[in-house]
Amino acid sequence: MELQDFIYELHKYAEQTHVLKDKFEKLSDTEKQLVMNAAPDSLKTPNEYFHPVYEWLENTTEQLNTHQDIK
């Protein structure tokens, strides 16, 4: 049950990274710079989070499906 809850939250997180990426892309270059200047130094742009999060979700789902097939 905890794993299902985690995957549900990961799916929501992936959807939110997609929305944030889309909103960030619509900003002007000046607005993007303003937003990124306000971000902590270690924080990447929304574009850089989008793909790894979706890859994580896909890999987790694939592994779960493989694990269930073995049982």
N, C-alpha and C. Protein backbone atom coordinates (compact mmCIF):
# COMPACT_ATOMS: atom_id res chain seq x y z
N MET A 1 0.81 -1.19 0.00
CA MET A 1 0.00 0.00 0.00
C MET A 1 0.86 1.26 0.00
N GLU A 2 1.95 1.24 0.76
CA GLU A 2 2.83 2.41 0.81
C GLU A 2 3.45 2.67 -0.57
N LEU A 3 3.80 1.61 -1.27
CA LEU A 3 4.38 1.77 -2.60
C LEU A 3 3.38 2.40 -3.56
N GLN A 4 2.14 1.98 -3.48
CA GLN A 4 1.10 2.57 -4.33
C GLN A 4 0.91 4.05 -4.01
N ASP A 5 0.95 4.39 -2.74
CA ASP A 5 0.85 5.79 -2.33
C ASP A 5 2.02 6.60 -2.88
N PHE A 6 3.22 6.00 -2.81
CA PHE A 6 4.40 6.69 -3.32
C PHE A 6 4.27 6.92 -4.82
N ILE A 7 3.88 5.92 -5.57
CA ILE A 7 3.74 6.05 -7.02
C ILE A 7 2.67 7.06 -7.36
N TYR A 8 1.60 7.09 -6.61
CA TYR A 8 0.55 8.09 -6.82
C TYR A 8 1.12 9.50 -6.64
N GLU A 9 1.87 9.71 -5.59
CA GLU A 9 2.47 11.03 -5.33
C GLU A 9 3.53 11.36 -6.37
N LEU A 10 4.30 10.38 -6.79
CA LEU A 10 5.31 10.60 -7.83
C LEU A 10 4.63 11.00 -9.14
N HIS A 11 3.51 10.37 -9.43
CA HIS A 11 2.75 10.73 -10.64
C HIS A 11 2.27 12.18 -10.54
N LYS A 12 1.75 12.58 -9.40
CA LYS A 12 1.31 13.97 -9.21
C LYS A 12 2.50 14.93 -9.34
N TYR A 13 3.63 14.54 -8.79
CA TYR A 13 4.84 15.36 -8.86
C TYR A 13 5.29 15.51 -10.32
N ALA A 14 5.23 14.42 -11.08
CA ALA A 14 5.59 14.46 -12.49
C ALA A 14 4.65 15.40 -13.25
N GLU A 15 3.37 15.31 -12.97
CA GLU A 15 2.42 16.20 -13.63
C GLU A 15 2.71 17.66 -13.29
N GLN A 16 3.04 17.92 -12.04
CA GLN A 16 3.33 19.30 -11.62
C GLN A 16 4.62 19.82 -12.26
N THR A 17 5.63 18.95 -12.41
CA THR A 17 6.85 19.40 -13.08
C THR A 17 6.56 19.75 -14.53
N HIS A 18 5.64 19.03 -15.14
CA HIS A 18 5.26 19.32 -16.53
C HIS A 18 4.57 20.69 -16.61
N VAL A 19 3.64 20.94 -15.71
CA VAL A 19 2.93 22.22 -15.68
C VAL A 19 3.93 23.36 -15.43
N LEU A 20 4.80 23.17 -14.46
CA LEU A 20 5.78 24.20 -14.13
C LEU A 20 6.71 24.47 -15.31
N LYS A 21 7.14 23.42 -15.99
CA LYS A 21 7.99 23.57 -17.17
C LYS A 21 7.27 24.39 -18.25
N ASP A 22 6.01 24.04 -18.49
CA ASP A 22 5.23 24.78 -19.50
C ASP A 22 5.08 26.25 -19.13
N LYS A 23 4.80 26.53 -17.89
CA LYS A 23 4.65 27.92 -17.44
C LYS A 23 5.97 28.67 -17.54
N PHE A 24 7.06 28.00 -17.17
CA PHE A 24 8.38 28.62 -17.24
C PHE A 24 8.73 28.96 -18.68
N GLU A 25 8.43 28.06 -19.61
CA GLU A 25 8.75 28.28 -21.02
C GLU A 25 8.00 29.48 -21.59
N LYS A 26 6.85 29.82 -21.04
CA LYS A 26 6.05 30.94 -21.53
C LYS A 26 6.54 32.29 -21.01
N LEU A 27 7.44 32.27 -20.05
CA LEU A 27 7.99 33.51 -19.52
C LEU A 27 8.92 34.15 -20.55
N SER A 28 9.05 35.45 -20.48
CA SER A 28 10.04 36.14 -21.30
C SER A 28 11.43 35.79 -20.76
N ASP A 29 12.44 36.06 -21.55
CA ASP A 29 13.81 35.79 -21.08
C ASP A 29 14.13 36.58 -19.81
N THR A 30 13.64 37.79 -19.73
CA THR A 30 13.86 38.62 -18.54
C THR A 30 13.17 38.00 -17.33
N GLU A 31 11.94 37.53 -17.51
CA GLU A 31 11.21 36.89 -16.40
C GLU A 31 11.87 35.59 -15.98
N LYS A 32 12.35 34.81 -16.94
CA LYS A 32 13.06 33.57 -16.61
C LYS A 32 14.29 33.89 -15.77
N GLN A 33 15.02 34.90 -16.17
CA GLN A 33 16.22 35.29 -15.43
C GLN A 33 15.88 35.76 -14.03
N LEU A 34 14.81 36.52 -13.89
CA LEU A 34 14.36 36.99 -12.59
C LEU A 34 14.02 35.81 -11.67
N VAL A 35 13.27 34.87 -12.21
CA VAL A 35 12.87 33.69 -11.44
C VAL A 35 14.09 32.88 -11.02
N MET A 36 15.01 32.66 -11.95
CA MET A 36 16.18 31.84 -11.63
C MET A 36 17.16 32.57 -10.71
N ASN A 37 17.20 33.90 -10.79
CA ASN A 37 18.05 34.66 -9.86
C ASN A 37 17.52 34.55 -8.44
N ALA A 38 16.22 34.38 -8.29
CA ALA A 38 15.61 34.27 -6.96
C ALA A 38 15.72 32.85 -6.40
N ALA A 39 16.02 31.89 -7.26
CA ALA A 39 16.10 30.48 -6.83
C ALA A 39 17.40 30.21 -6.10
N PRO A 40 17.40 29.25 -5.18
CA PRO A 40 18.66 28.84 -4.54
C PRO A 40 19.66 28.37 -5.61
N ASP A 41 20.93 28.53 -5.34
CA ASP A 41 21.97 28.19 -6.32
C ASP A 41 21.89 26.75 -6.80
N SER A 42 21.49 25.86 -5.93
CA SER A 42 21.47 24.44 -6.28
C SER A 42 20.23 24.03 -7.08
N LEU A 43 19.28 24.94 -7.23
CA LEU A 43 18.04 24.62 -7.93
C LEU A 43 18.20 24.79 -9.42
N LYS A 44 17.76 23.77 -10.16
CA LYS A 44 17.83 23.80 -11.62
C LYS A 44 16.55 24.42 -12.17
N THR A 45 16.56 24.71 -13.47
CA THR A 45 15.36 25.23 -14.11
C THR A 45 14.31 24.14 -14.19
N PRO A 46 13.03 24.50 -14.29
CA PRO A 46 11.97 23.50 -14.43
C PRO A 46 12.19 22.57 -15.63
N ASN A 47 12.81 23.07 -16.68
CA ASN A 47 13.09 22.22 -17.84
C ASN A 47 14.02 21.07 -17.49
N GLU A 48 14.93 21.30 -16.56
CA GLU A 48 15.90 20.27 -16.18
C GLU A 48 15.31 19.24 -15.22
N TYR A 49 14.20 19.55 -14.58
CA TYR A 49 13.55 18.60 -13.67
C TYR A 49 12.56 17.70 -14.40
N PHE A 50 11.96 18.22 -15.43
CA PHE A 50 10.87 17.55 -16.11
C PHE A 50 11.23 16.13 -16.57
N HIS A 51 12.27 15.99 -17.37
CA HIS A 51 12.60 14.68 -17.94
C HIS A 51 13.05 13.65 -16.89
N PRO A 52 13.92 14.01 -15.97
CA PRO A 52 14.32 13.00 -14.96
C PRO A 52 13.16 12.51 -14.11
N VAL A 53 12.23 13.39 -13.78
CA VAL A 53 11.09 12.97 -12.95
C VAL A 53 10.20 11.99 -13.73
N TYR A 54 9.93 12.31 -14.99
CA TYR A 54 9.14 11.38 -15.80
C TYR A 54 9.86 10.07 -16.02
N GLU A 55 11.18 10.11 -16.20
CA GLU A 55 11.95 8.88 -16.35
C GLU A 55 11.87 8.04 -15.08
N TRP A 56 11.95 8.71 -13.93
CA TRP A 56 11.84 8.03 -12.64
C TRP A 56 10.47 7.34 -12.53
N LEU A 57 9.41 8.05 -12.89
CA LEU A 57 8.07 7.47 -12.83
C LEU A 57 7.95 6.28 -13.77
N GLU A 58 8.42 6.42 -14.99
CA GLU A 58 8.35 5.33 -15.96
C GLU A 58 9.14 4.12 -15.50
N ASN A 59 10.35 4.33 -15.00
CA ASN A 59 11.19 3.23 -14.53
C ASN A 59 10.56 2.53 -13.33
N THR A 60 10.02 3.31 -12.41
CA THR A 60 9.38 2.72 -11.23
C THR A 60 8.17 1.88 -11.64
N THR A 61 7.35 2.42 -12.53
CA THR A 61 6.17 1.70 -13.00
C THR A 61 6.58 0.42 -13.72
N GLU A 62 7.60 0.51 -14.56
CA GLU A 62 8.08 -0.66 -15.29
C GLU A 62 8.60 -1.73 -14.35
N GLN A 63 9.39 -1.33 -13.36
CA GLN A 63 9.92 -2.28 -12.39
C GLN A 63 8.80 -2.91 -11.57
N LEU A 64 7.82 -2.13 -11.21
CA LEU A 64 6.68 -2.66 -10.46
C LEU A 64 5.93 -3.69 -11.29
N ASN A 65 5.70 -3.38 -12.56
CA ASN A 65 5.01 -4.30 -13.44
C ASN A 65 5.81 -5.58 -13.64
N THR A 66 7.12 -5.47 -13.78
CA THR A 66 7.99 -6.64 -13.90
C THR A 66 7.95 -7.47 -12.64
N HIS A 67 8.00 -6.80 -11.51
CA HIS A 67 7.96 -7.49 -10.21
C HIS A 67 6.64 -8.25 -10.04
N GLN A 68 5.54 -7.65 -10.46
CA GLN A 68 4.23 -8.29 -10.34
C GLN A 68 4.11 -9.48 -11.29
N ASP A 69 4.76 -9.40 -12.46
CA ASP A 69 4.73 -10.50 -13.42
C ASP A 69 5.47 -11.72 -12.89
N ILE A 70 6.49 -11.49 -12.06
CA ILE A 70 7.30 -12.58 -11.51
C ILE A 70 6.51 -13.34 -10.46
N LYS A 71 5.67 -12.67 -9.72
CA LYS A 71 4.91 -13.30 -8.63
C LYS A 71 3.92 -14.29 -9.15
